[in-house]
Amino acid sequence: MRKVIVIVGIVMVFVLAAVFATQAAAQEAKRMSIEELKGMLGNPDLVIVDVRRDGDWASSQVKIKGAVREDPEKVDTWMSKYPKDKTLVFYCA
């Protein structure tokens, strides 16, 4: 029984560490205004990734011209295809 408690404790530590790391990464993400984005449009080093959920994207009347649509639930399958030397803007609202 003691062994199970130790294992559960270790797992909890890793889960909490992952949660805090995710929150820290989210807080570090830079936000930009519409005006800032408009000023960058046309830049060949800019990639706009529309990560709205399927229903939100389909029902929207507004889509950014040239944006690439990606499923936010499958980040691990598409993130590596974008070059690290480009400016990536993730659009979700």
PDB file of N, CA and C in Angstrom:
ATOM      1  N   MET A   1       0.827  -1.192   0.000  1.00  0.00           N
ATOM      2  CA  MET A   1       0.000   0.000   0.000  1.00  0.00           C
ATOM      3  C   MET A   1       0.874   1.261   0.000  1.00  0.00           C
ATOM      4  N   ARG A   2       1.941   1.229   0.759  1.00  0.00           N
ATOM      5  CA  ARG A   2       2.836   2.390   0.837  1.00  0.00           C
ATOM      6  C   ARG A   2       3.437   2.686  -0.532  1.00  0.00           C
ATOM      7  N   LYS A   3       3.758   1.629  -1.275  1.00  0.00           N
ATOM      8  CA  LYS A   3       4.340   1.784  -2.609  1.00  0.00           C
ATOM      9  C   LYS A   3       3.361   2.493  -3.540  1.00  0.00           C
ATOM     10  N   VAL A   4       2.091   2.158  -3.446  1.00  0.00           N
ATOM     11  CA  VAL A   4       1.050   2.781  -4.269  1.00  0.00           C
ATOM     12  C   VAL A   4       0.931   4.271  -3.926  1.00  0.00           C
ATOM     13  N   ILE A   5       0.985   4.591  -2.660  1.00  0.00           N
ATOM     14  CA  ILE A   5       0.884   5.987  -2.231  1.00  0.00           C
ATOM     15  C   ILE A   5       2.070   6.788  -2.769  1.00  0.00           C
ATOM     16  N   VAL A   6       3.260   6.214  -2.717  1.00  0.00           N
ATOM     17  CA  VAL A   6       4.447   6.894  -3.231  1.00  0.00           C
ATOM     18  C   VAL A   6       4.308   7.122  -4.730  1.00  0.00           C
ATOM     19  N   ILE A   7       3.853   6.119  -5.466  1.00  0.00           N
ATOM     20  CA  ILE A   7       3.689   6.242  -6.921  1.00  0.00           C
ATOM     21  C   ILE A   7       2.649   7.309  -7.251  1.00  0.00           C
ATOM     22  N   VAL A   8       1.530   7.303  -6.546  1.00  0.00           N
ATOM     23  CA  VAL A   8       0.492   8.316  -6.769  1.00  0.00           C
ATOM     24  C   VAL A   8       1.052   9.706  -6.468  1.00  0.00           C
ATOM     25  N   GLY A   9       1.828   9.839  -5.412  1.00  0.00           N
ATOM     26  CA  GLY A   9       2.437  11.121  -5.075  1.00  0.00           C
ATOM     27  C   GLY A   9       3.364  11.623  -6.166  1.00  0.00           C
ATOM     28  N   ILE A  10       4.177  10.730  -6.704  1.00  0.00           N
ATOM     29  CA  ILE A  10       5.096  11.101  -7.781  1.00  0.00           C
ATOM     30  C   ILE A  10       4.325  11.535  -9.022  1.00  0.00           C
ATOM     31  N   VAL A  11       3.291  10.799  -9.366  1.00  0.00           N
ATOM     32  CA  VAL A  11       2.468  11.154 -10.521  1.00  0.00           C
ATOM     33  C   VAL A  11       1.839  12.526 -10.319  1.00  0.00           C
ATOM     34  N   MET A  12       1.350  12.797  -9.115  1.00  0.00           N
ATOM     35  CA  MET A  12       0.735  14.098  -8.834  1.00  0.00           C
ATOM     36  C   MET A  12       1.743  15.238  -8.993  1.00  0.00           C
ATOM     37  N   VAL A  13       2.971  15.019  -8.582  1.00  0.00           N
ATOM     38  CA  VAL A  13       4.000  16.038  -8.731  1.00  0.00           C
ATOM     39  C   VAL A  13       4.208  16.357 -10.212  1.00  0.00           C
ATOM     40  N   PHE A  14       4.287  15.317 -11.041  1.00  0.00           N
ATOM     41  CA  PHE A  14       4.480  15.539 -12.474  1.00  0.00           C
ATOM     42  C   PHE A  14       3.274  16.232 -13.102  1.00  0.00           C
ATOM     43  N   VAL A  15       2.077  15.867 -12.683  1.00  0.00           N
ATOM     44  CA  VAL A  15       0.869  16.498 -13.217  1.00  0.00           C
ATOM     45  C   VAL A  15       0.845  17.977 -12.842  1.00  0.00           C
ATOM     46  N   LEU A  16       1.130  18.281 -11.599  1.00  0.00           N
ATOM     47  CA  LEU A  16       1.147  19.686 -11.170  1.00  0.00           C
ATOM     48  C   LEU A  16       2.232  20.471 -11.889  1.00  0.00           C
ATOM     49  N   ALA A  17       3.391  19.871 -12.091  1.00  0.00           N
ATOM     50  CA  ALA A  17       4.466  20.550 -12.816  1.00  0.00           C
ATOM     51  C   ALA A  17       4.035  20.852 -14.246  1.00  0.00           C
ATOM     52  N   ALA A  18       3.355  19.904 -14.886  1.00  0.00           N
ATOM     53  CA  ALA A  18       2.884  20.111 -16.259  1.00  0.00           C
ATOM     54  C   ALA A  18       1.849  21.228 -16.318  1.00  0.00           C
ATOM     55  N   VAL A  19       0.950  21.273 -15.352  1.00  0.00           N
ATOM     56  CA  VAL A  19      -0.080  22.316 -15.318  1.00  0.00           C
ATOM     57  C   VAL A  19       0.560  23.695 -15.156  1.00  0.00           C
ATOM     58  N   PHE A  20       1.500  23.813 -14.237  1.00  0.00           N
ATOM     59  CA  PHE A  20       2.150  25.104 -14.020  1.00  0.00           C
ATOM     60  C   PHE A  20       2.998  25.515 -15.217  1.00  0.00           C
ATOM     61  N   ALA A  21       3.654  24.561 -15.865  1.00  0.00           N
ATOM     62  CA  ALA A  21       4.455  24.878 -17.049  1.00  0.00           C
ATOM     63  C   ALA A  21       3.562  25.361 -18.179  1.00  0.00           C
ATOM     64  N   THR A  22       2.409  24.741 -18.353  1.00  0.00           N
ATOM     65  CA  THR A  22       1.467  25.145 -19.396  1.00  0.00           C
ATOM     66  C   THR A  22       0.943  26.556 -19.123  1.00  0.00           C
ATOM     67  N   GLN A  23       0.608  26.832 -17.885  1.00  0.00           N
ATOM     68  CA  GLN A  23       0.122  28.163 -17.537  1.00  0.00           C
ATOM     69  C   GLN A  23       1.201  29.213 -17.743  1.00  0.00           C
ATOM     70  N   ALA A  24       2.422  28.900 -17.400  1.00  0.00           N
ATOM     71  CA  ALA A  24       3.522  29.852 -17.584  1.00  0.00           C
ATOM     72  C   ALA A  24       3.739  30.134 -19.058  1.00  0.00           C
ATOM     73  N   ALA A  25       3.678  29.110 -19.892  1.00  0.00           N
ATOM     74  CA  ALA A  25       3.858  29.297 -21.335  1.00  0.00           C
ATOM     75  C   ALA A  25       2.734  30.150 -21.905  1.00  0.00           C
ATOM     76  N   ALA A  26       1.514  29.936 -21.437  1.00  0.00           N
ATOM     77  CA  ALA A  26       0.377  30.712 -21.930  1.00  0.00           C
ATOM     78  C   ALA A  26       0.519  32.179 -21.537  1.00  0.00           C
ATOM     79  N   GLN A  27       1.043  32.441 -20.361  1.00  0.00           N
ATOM     80  CA  GLN A  27       1.206  33.820 -19.917  1.00  0.00           C
ATOM     81  C   GLN A  27       2.299  34.534 -20.705  1.00  0.00           C
ATOM     82  N   GLU A  28       3.241  33.799 -21.262  1.00  0.00           N
ATOM     83  CA  GLU A  28       4.331  34.408 -22.003  1.00  0.00           C
ATOM     84  C   GLU A  28       3.962  34.710 -23.452  1.00  0.00           C
ATOM     85  N   ALA A  29       2.859  34.177 -23.926  1.00  0.00           N
ATOM     86  CA  ALA A  29       2.455  34.410 -25.311  1.00  0.00           C
ATOM     87  C   ALA A  29       2.107  35.882 -25.494  1.00  0.00           C
ATOM     88  N   LYS A  30       2.712  36.488 -26.491  1.00  0.00           N
ATOM     89  CA  LYS A  30       2.481  37.906 -26.763  1.00  0.00           C
ATOM     90  C   LYS A  30       1.155  38.073 -27.497  1.00  0.00           C
ATOM     91  N   ARG A  31       0.392  39.035 -27.089  1.00  0.00           N
ATOM     92  CA  ARG A  31      -0.849  39.372 -27.785  1.00  0.00           C
ATOM     93  C   ARG A  31      -0.582  40.582 -28.652  1.00  0.00           C
ATOM     94  N   MET A  32      -1.326  40.669 -29.750  1.00  0.00           N
ATOM     95  CA  MET A  32      -1.166  41.841 -30.611  1.00  0.00           C
ATOM     96  C   MET A  32      -2.528  42.403 -30.960  1.00  0.00           C
ATOM     97  N   SER A  33      -2.537  43.662 -31.255  1.00  0.00           N
ATOM     98  CA  SER A  33      -3.784  44.330 -31.622  1.00  0.00           C
ATOM     99  C   SER A  33      -4.067  44.098 -33.108  1.00  0.00           C
ATOM    100  N   ILE A  34      -5.265  44.415 -33.505  1.00  0.00           N
ATOM    101  CA  ILE A  34      -5.643  44.318 -34.917  1.00  0.00           C
ATOM    102  C   ILE A  34      -4.770  45.246 -35.746  1.00  0.00           C
ATOM    103  N   GLU A  35      -4.477  46.405 -35.198  1.00  0.00           N
ATOM    104  CA  GLU A  35      -3.645  47.375 -35.919  1.00  0.00           C
ATOM    105  C   GLU A  35      -2.230  46.834 -36.136  1.00  0.00           C
ATOM    106  N   GLU A  36      -1.682  46.176 -35.112  1.00  0.00           N
ATOM    107  CA  GLU A  36      -0.351  45.583 -35.256  1.00  0.00           C
ATOM    108  C   GLU A  36      -0.344  44.515 -36.348  1.00  0.00           C
ATOM    109  N   LEU A  37      -1.374  43.674 -36.341  1.00  0.00           N
ATOM    110  CA  LEU A  37      -1.456  42.613 -37.352  1.00  0.00           C
ATOM    111  C   LEU A  37      -1.622  43.211 -38.746  1.00  0.00           C
ATOM    112  N   LYS A  38      -2.470  44.212 -38.873  1.00  0.00           N
ATOM    113  CA  LYS A  38      -2.662  44.851 -40.182  1.00  0.00           C
ATOM    114  C   LYS A  38      -1.343  45.395 -40.718  1.00  0.00           C
ATOM    115  N   GLY A  39      -0.511  45.930 -39.829  1.00  0.00           N
ATOM    116  CA  GLY A  39       0.779  46.460 -40.229  1.00  0.00           C
ATOM    117  C   GLY A  39       1.749  45.387 -40.696  1.00  0.00           C
ATOM    118  N   MET A  40       1.504  44.151 -40.320  1.00  0.00           N
ATOM    119  CA  MET A  40       2.392  43.048 -40.691  1.00  0.00           C
ATOM    120  C   MET A  40       1.919  42.292 -41.928  1.00  0.00           C
ATOM    121  N   LEU A  41       0.653  42.491 -42.324  1.00  0.00           N
ATOM    122  CA  LEU A  41       0.110  41.763 -43.468  1.00  0.00           C
ATOM    123  C   LEU A  41       0.948  42.027 -44.714  1.00  0.00           C
ATOM    124  N   GLY A  42       1.174  41.005 -45.481  1.00  0.00           N
ATOM    125  CA  GLY A  42       1.990  41.129 -46.682  1.00  0.00           C
ATOM    126  C   GLY A  42       3.450  40.784 -46.445  1.00  0.00           C
ATOM    127  N   ASN A  43       3.859  40.667 -45.186  1.00  0.00           N
ATOM    128  CA  ASN A  43       5.228  40.300 -44.849  1.00  0.00           C
ATOM    129  C   ASN A  43       5.422  38.810 -45.143  1.00  0.00           C
ATOM    130  N   PRO A  44       6.391  38.438 -45.966  1.00  0.00           N
ATOM    131  CA  PRO A  44       6.588  37.029 -46.308  1.00  0.00           C
ATOM    132  C   PRO A  44       7.036  36.169 -45.116  1.00  0.00           C
ATOM    133  N   ASP A  45       7.465  36.800 -44.035  1.00  0.00           N
ATOM    134  CA  ASP A  45       7.877  36.049 -42.850  1.00  0.00           C
ATOM    135  C   ASP A  45       6.731  35.831 -41.869  1.00  0.00           C
ATOM    136  N   LEU A  46       5.522  36.231 -42.248  1.00  0.00           N
ATOM    137  CA  LEU A  46       4.354  36.111 -41.388  1.00  0.00           C
ATOM    138  C   LEU A  46       3.495  34.931 -41.819  1.00  0.00           C
ATOM    139  N   VAL A  47       3.115  34.097 -40.853  1.00  0.00           N
ATOM    140  CA  VAL A  47       2.171  33.007 -41.094  1.00  0.00           C
ATOM    141  C   VAL A  47       1.045  33.162 -40.081  1.00  0.00           C
ATOM    142  N   ILE A  48      -0.174  33.333 -40.576  1.00  0.00           N
ATOM    143  CA  ILE A  48      -1.338  33.449 -39.705  1.00  0.00           C
ATOM    144  C   ILE A  48      -2.017  32.090 -39.673  1.00  0.00           C
ATOM    145  N   VAL A  49      -2.160  31.548 -38.470  1.00  0.00           N
ATOM    146  CA  VAL A  49      -2.762  30.233 -38.294  1.00  0.00           C
ATOM    147  C   VAL A  49      -4.084  30.409 -37.567  1.00  0.00           C
ATOM    148  N   ASP A  50      -5.169  30.063 -38.236  1.00  0.00           N
ATOM    149  CA  ASP A  50      -6.512  30.159 -37.660  1.00  0.00           C
ATOM    150  C   ASP A  50      -6.780  28.866 -36.900  1.00  0.00           C
ATOM    151  N   VAL A  51      -6.839  28.957 -35.585  1.00  0.00           N
ATOM    152  CA  VAL A  51      -7.026  27.772 -34.751  1.00  0.00           C
ATOM    153  C   VAL A  51      -8.373  27.777 -34.031  1.00  0.00           C
ATOM    154  N   ARG A  52      -9.346  28.415 -34.647  1.00  0.00           N
ATOM    155  CA  ARG A  52     -10.686  28.369 -34.049  1.00  0.00           C
ATOM    156  C   ARG A  52     -11.257  26.963 -34.185  1.00  0.00           C
ATOM    157  N   ARG A  53     -12.103  26.588 -33.270  1.00  0.00           N
ATOM    158  CA  ARG A  53     -12.762  25.268 -33.323  1.00  0.00           C
ATOM    159  C   ARG A  53     -13.647  25.211 -34.563  1.00  0.00           C
ATOM    160  N   ASP A  54     -13.902  24.003 -35.031  1.00  0.00           N
ATOM    161  CA  ASP A  54     -14.633  23.789 -36.284  1.00  0.00           C
ATOM    162  C   ASP A  54     -15.922  24.594 -36.382  1.00  0.00           C
ATOM    163  N   GLY A  55     -16.759  24.518 -35.365  1.00  0.00           N
ATOM    164  CA  GLY A  55     -18.044  25.221 -35.402  1.00  0.00           C
ATOM    165  C   GLY A  55     -17.886  26.726 -35.443  1.00  0.00           C
ATOM    166  N   ASP A  56     -16.936  27.241 -34.671  1.00  0.00           N
ATOM    167  CA  ASP A  56     -16.686  28.685 -34.653  1.00  0.00           C
ATOM    168  C   ASP A  56     -16.164  29.158 -36.003  1.00  0.00           C
ATOM    169  N   TRP A  57     -15.274  28.386 -36.584  1.00  0.00           N
ATOM    170  CA  TRP A  57     -14.701  28.748 -37.884  1.00  0.00           C
ATOM    171  C   TRP A  57     -15.771  28.694 -38.978  1.00  0.00           C
ATOM    172  N   ALA A  58     -16.559  27.624 -38.990  1.00  0.00           N
ATOM    173  CA  ALA A  58     -17.579  27.438 -40.030  1.00  0.00           C
ATOM    174  C   ALA A  58     -18.675  28.505 -39.962  1.00  0.00           C
ATOM    175  N   SER A  59     -19.036  28.920 -38.762  1.00  0.00           N
ATOM    176  CA  SER A  59     -20.125  29.894 -38.625  1.00  0.00           C
ATOM    177  C   SER A  59     -19.653  31.337 -38.738  1.00  0.00           C
ATOM    178  N   SER A  60     -18.369  31.562 -38.803  1.00  0.00           N
ATOM    179  CA  SER A  60     -17.843  32.921 -38.849  1.00  0.00           C
ATOM    180  C   SER A  60     -18.005  33.548 -40.229  1.00  0.00           C
ATOM    181  N   GLN A  61     -18.393  34.798 -40.239  1.00  0.00           N
ATOM    182  CA  GLN A  61     -18.485  35.564 -41.479  1.00  0.00           C
ATOM    183  C   GLN A  61     -17.142  36.218 -41.801  1.00  0.00           C
ATOM    184  N   VAL A  62     -16.238  36.217 -40.827  1.00  0.00           N
ATOM    185  CA  VAL A  62     -14.951  36.893 -40.982  1.00  0.00           C
ATOM    186  C   VAL A  62     -13.819  35.879 -40.923  1.00  0.00           C
ATOM    187  N   LYS A  63     -13.020  35.873 -41.963  1.00  0.00           N
ATOM    188  CA  LYS A  63     -11.831  35.027 -42.010  1.00  0.00           C
ATOM    189  C   LYS A  63     -10.698  35.884 -42.553  1.00  0.00           C
ATOM    190  N   ILE A  64      -9.512  35.728 -41.979  1.00  0.00           N
ATOM    191  CA  ILE A  64      -8.367  36.524 -42.414  1.00  0.00           C
ATOM    192  C   ILE A  64      -7.837  35.930 -43.712  1.00  0.00           C
ATOM    193  N   LYS A  65      -7.766  36.768 -44.740  1.00  0.00           N
ATOM    194  CA  LYS A  65      -7.279  36.328 -46.040  1.00  0.00           C
ATOM    195  C   LYS A  65      -5.834  35.832 -45.911  1.00  0.00           C
ATOM    196  N   GLY A  66      -5.578  34.640 -46.425  1.00  0.00           N
ATOM    197  CA  GLY A  66      -4.239  34.065 -46.393  1.00  0.00           C
ATOM    198  C   GLY A  66      -3.947  33.246 -45.151  1.00  0.00           C
ATOM    199  N   ALA A  67      -4.873  33.253 -44.184  1.00  0.00           N
ATOM    200  CA  ALA A  67      -4.655  32.462 -42.972  1.00  0.00           C
ATOM    201  C   ALA A  67      -4.758  30.979 -43.287  1.00  0.00           C
ATOM    202  N   VAL A  68      -3.980  30.204 -42.574  1.00  0.00           N
ATOM    203  CA  VAL A  68      -3.998  28.751 -42.712  1.00  0.00           C
ATOM    204  C   VAL A  68      -4.872  28.196 -41.600  1.00  0.00           C
ATOM    205  N   ARG A  69      -5.775  27.318 -41.937  1.00  0.00           N
ATOM    206  CA  ARG A  69      -6.691  26.736 -40.951  1.00  0.00           C
ATOM    207  C   ARG A  69      -6.080  25.455 -40.387  1.00  0.00           C
ATOM    208  N   GLU A  70      -6.001  25.361 -39.056  1.00  0.00           N
ATOM    209  CA  GLU A  70      -5.493  24.175 -38.385  1.00  0.00           C
ATOM    210  C   GLU A  70      -6.415  23.805 -37.228  1.00  0.00           C
ATOM    211  N   ASP A  71      -6.518  22.523 -36.958  1.00  0.00           N
ATOM    212  CA  ASP A  71      -7.344  22.013 -35.870  1.00  0.00           C
ATOM    213  C   ASP A  71      -6.611  22.214 -34.542  1.00  0.00           C
ATOM    214  N   PRO A  72      -7.189  22.983 -33.620  1.00  0.00           N
ATOM    215  CA  PRO A  72      -6.500  23.237 -32.346  1.00  0.00           C
ATOM    216  C   PRO A  72      -6.340  21.987 -31.490  1.00  0.00           C
ATOM    217  N   GLU A  73      -7.111  20.958 -31.765  1.00  0.00           N
ATOM    218  CA  GLU A  73      -7.022  19.722 -31.002  1.00  0.00           C
ATOM    219  C   GLU A  73      -5.879  18.831 -31.470  1.00  0.00           C
ATOM    220  N   LYS A  74      -5.254  19.183 -32.590  1.00  0.00           N
ATOM    221  CA  LYS A  74      -4.211  18.328 -33.167  1.00  0.00           C
ATOM    222  C   LYS A  74      -2.896  19.081 -33.365  1.00  0.00           C
ATOM    223  N   VAL A  75      -2.582  19.974 -32.445  1.00  0.00           N
ATOM    224  CA  VAL A  75      -1.378  20.794 -32.552  1.00  0.00           C
ATOM    225  C   VAL A  75      -0.138  19.931 -32.774  1.00  0.00           C
ATOM    226  N   ASP A  76      -0.069  18.815 -32.094  1.00  0.00           N
ATOM    227  CA  ASP A  76       1.120  17.972 -32.200  1.00  0.00           C
ATOM    228  C   ASP A  76       1.316  17.395 -33.594  1.00  0.00           C
ATOM    229  N   THR A  77       0.276  17.367 -34.418  1.00  0.00           N
ATOM    230  CA  THR A  77       0.409  16.816 -35.775  1.00  0.00           C
ATOM    231  C   THR A  77       0.800  17.866 -36.809  1.00  0.00           C
ATOM    232  N   TRP A  78       0.595  19.144 -36.521  1.00  0.00           N
ATOM    233  CA  TRP A  78       0.878  20.166 -37.540  1.00  0.00           C
ATOM    234  C   TRP A  78       1.912  21.216 -37.128  1.00  0.00           C
ATOM    235  N   MET A  79       2.200  21.351 -35.870  1.00  0.00           N
ATOM    236  CA  MET A  79       3.082  22.438 -35.438  1.00  0.00           C
ATOM    237  C   MET A  79       4.477  22.367 -36.061  1.00  0.00           C
ATOM    238  N   SER A  80       5.011  21.191 -36.247  1.00  0.00           N
ATOM    239  CA  SER A  80       6.380  21.070 -36.748  1.00  0.00           C
ATOM    240  C   SER A  80       6.520  21.444 -38.223  1.00  0.00           C
ATOM    241  N   LYS A  81       5.415  21.579 -38.938  1.00  0.00           N
ATOM    242  CA  LYS A  81       5.529  21.917 -40.358  1.00  0.00           C
ATOM    243  C   LYS A  81       5.791  23.405 -40.601  1.00  0.00           C
ATOM    244  N   TYR A  82       5.659  24.223 -39.553  1.00  0.00           N
ATOM    245  CA  TYR A  82       5.890  25.652 -39.711  1.00  0.00           C
ATOM    246  C   TYR A  82       7.339  25.993 -39.363  1.00  0.00           C
ATOM    247  N   PRO A  83       8.001  26.755 -40.232  1.00  0.00           N
ATOM    248  CA  PRO A  83       9.415  27.096 -39.992  1.00  0.00           C
ATOM    249  C   PRO A  83       9.592  27.939 -38.728  1.00  0.00           C
ATOM    250  N   LYS A  84      10.653  27.687 -38.020  1.00  0.00           N
ATOM    251  CA  LYS A  84      10.934  28.426 -36.784  1.00  0.00           C
ATOM    252  C   LYS A  84      11.415  29.846 -37.058  1.00  0.00           C
ATOM    253  N   ASP A  85      11.808  30.125 -38.296  1.00  0.00           N
ATOM    254  CA  ASP A  85      12.296  31.472 -38.607  1.00  0.00           C
ATOM    255  C   ASP A  85      11.183  32.400 -39.082  1.00  0.00           C
ATOM    256  N   LYS A  86       9.938  31.946 -39.041  1.00  0.00           N
ATOM    257  CA  LYS A  86       8.790  32.771 -39.422  1.00  0.00           C
ATOM    258  C   LYS A  86       8.101  33.300 -38.167  1.00  0.00           C
ATOM    259  N   THR A  87       7.352  34.374 -38.339  1.00  0.00           N
ATOM    260  CA  THR A  87       6.520  34.891 -37.259  1.00  0.00           C
ATOM    261  C   THR A  87       5.161  34.221 -37.371  1.00  0.00           C
ATOM    262  N   LEU A  88       4.802  33.453 -36.356  1.00  0.00           N
ATOM    263  CA  LEU A  88       3.518  32.753 -36.354  1.00  0.00           C
ATOM    264  C   LEU A  88       2.527  33.518 -35.505  1.00  0.00           C
ATOM    265  N   VAL A  89       1.373  33.786 -36.082  1.00  0.00           N
ATOM    266  CA  VAL A  89       0.288  34.453 -35.374  1.00  0.00           C
ATOM    267  C   VAL A  89      -0.858  33.469 -35.319  1.00  0.00           C
ATOM    268  N   PHE A  90      -1.289  33.119 -34.105  1.00  0.00           N
ATOM    269  CA  PHE A  90      -2.387  32.176 -33.919  1.00  0.00           C
ATOM    270  C   PHE A  90      -3.652  32.944 -33.640  1.00  0.00           C
ATOM    271  N   TYR A  91      -4.629  32.739 -34.486  1.00  0.00           N
ATOM    272  CA  TYR A  91      -5.902  33.470 -34.424  1.00  0.00           C
ATOM    273  C   TYR A  91      -6.961  32.531 -33.872  1.00  0.00           C
ATOM    274  N   CYS A  92      -7.592  32.916 -32.762  1.00  0.00           N
ATOM    275  CA  CYS A  92      -8.559  32.011 -32.143  1.00  0.00           C
ATOM    276  C   CYS A  92      -9.856  32.691 -31.750  1.00  0.00           C
ATOM    277  N   ALA A  93     -10.068  33.915 -32.143  1.00  0.00           N
ATOM    278  CA  ALA A  93     -11.318  34.586 -31.728  1.00  0.00           C
ATOM    279  C   ALA A  93     -11.961  35.279 -32.913  1.00  0.00           C
TER     280      ALA A  93
END
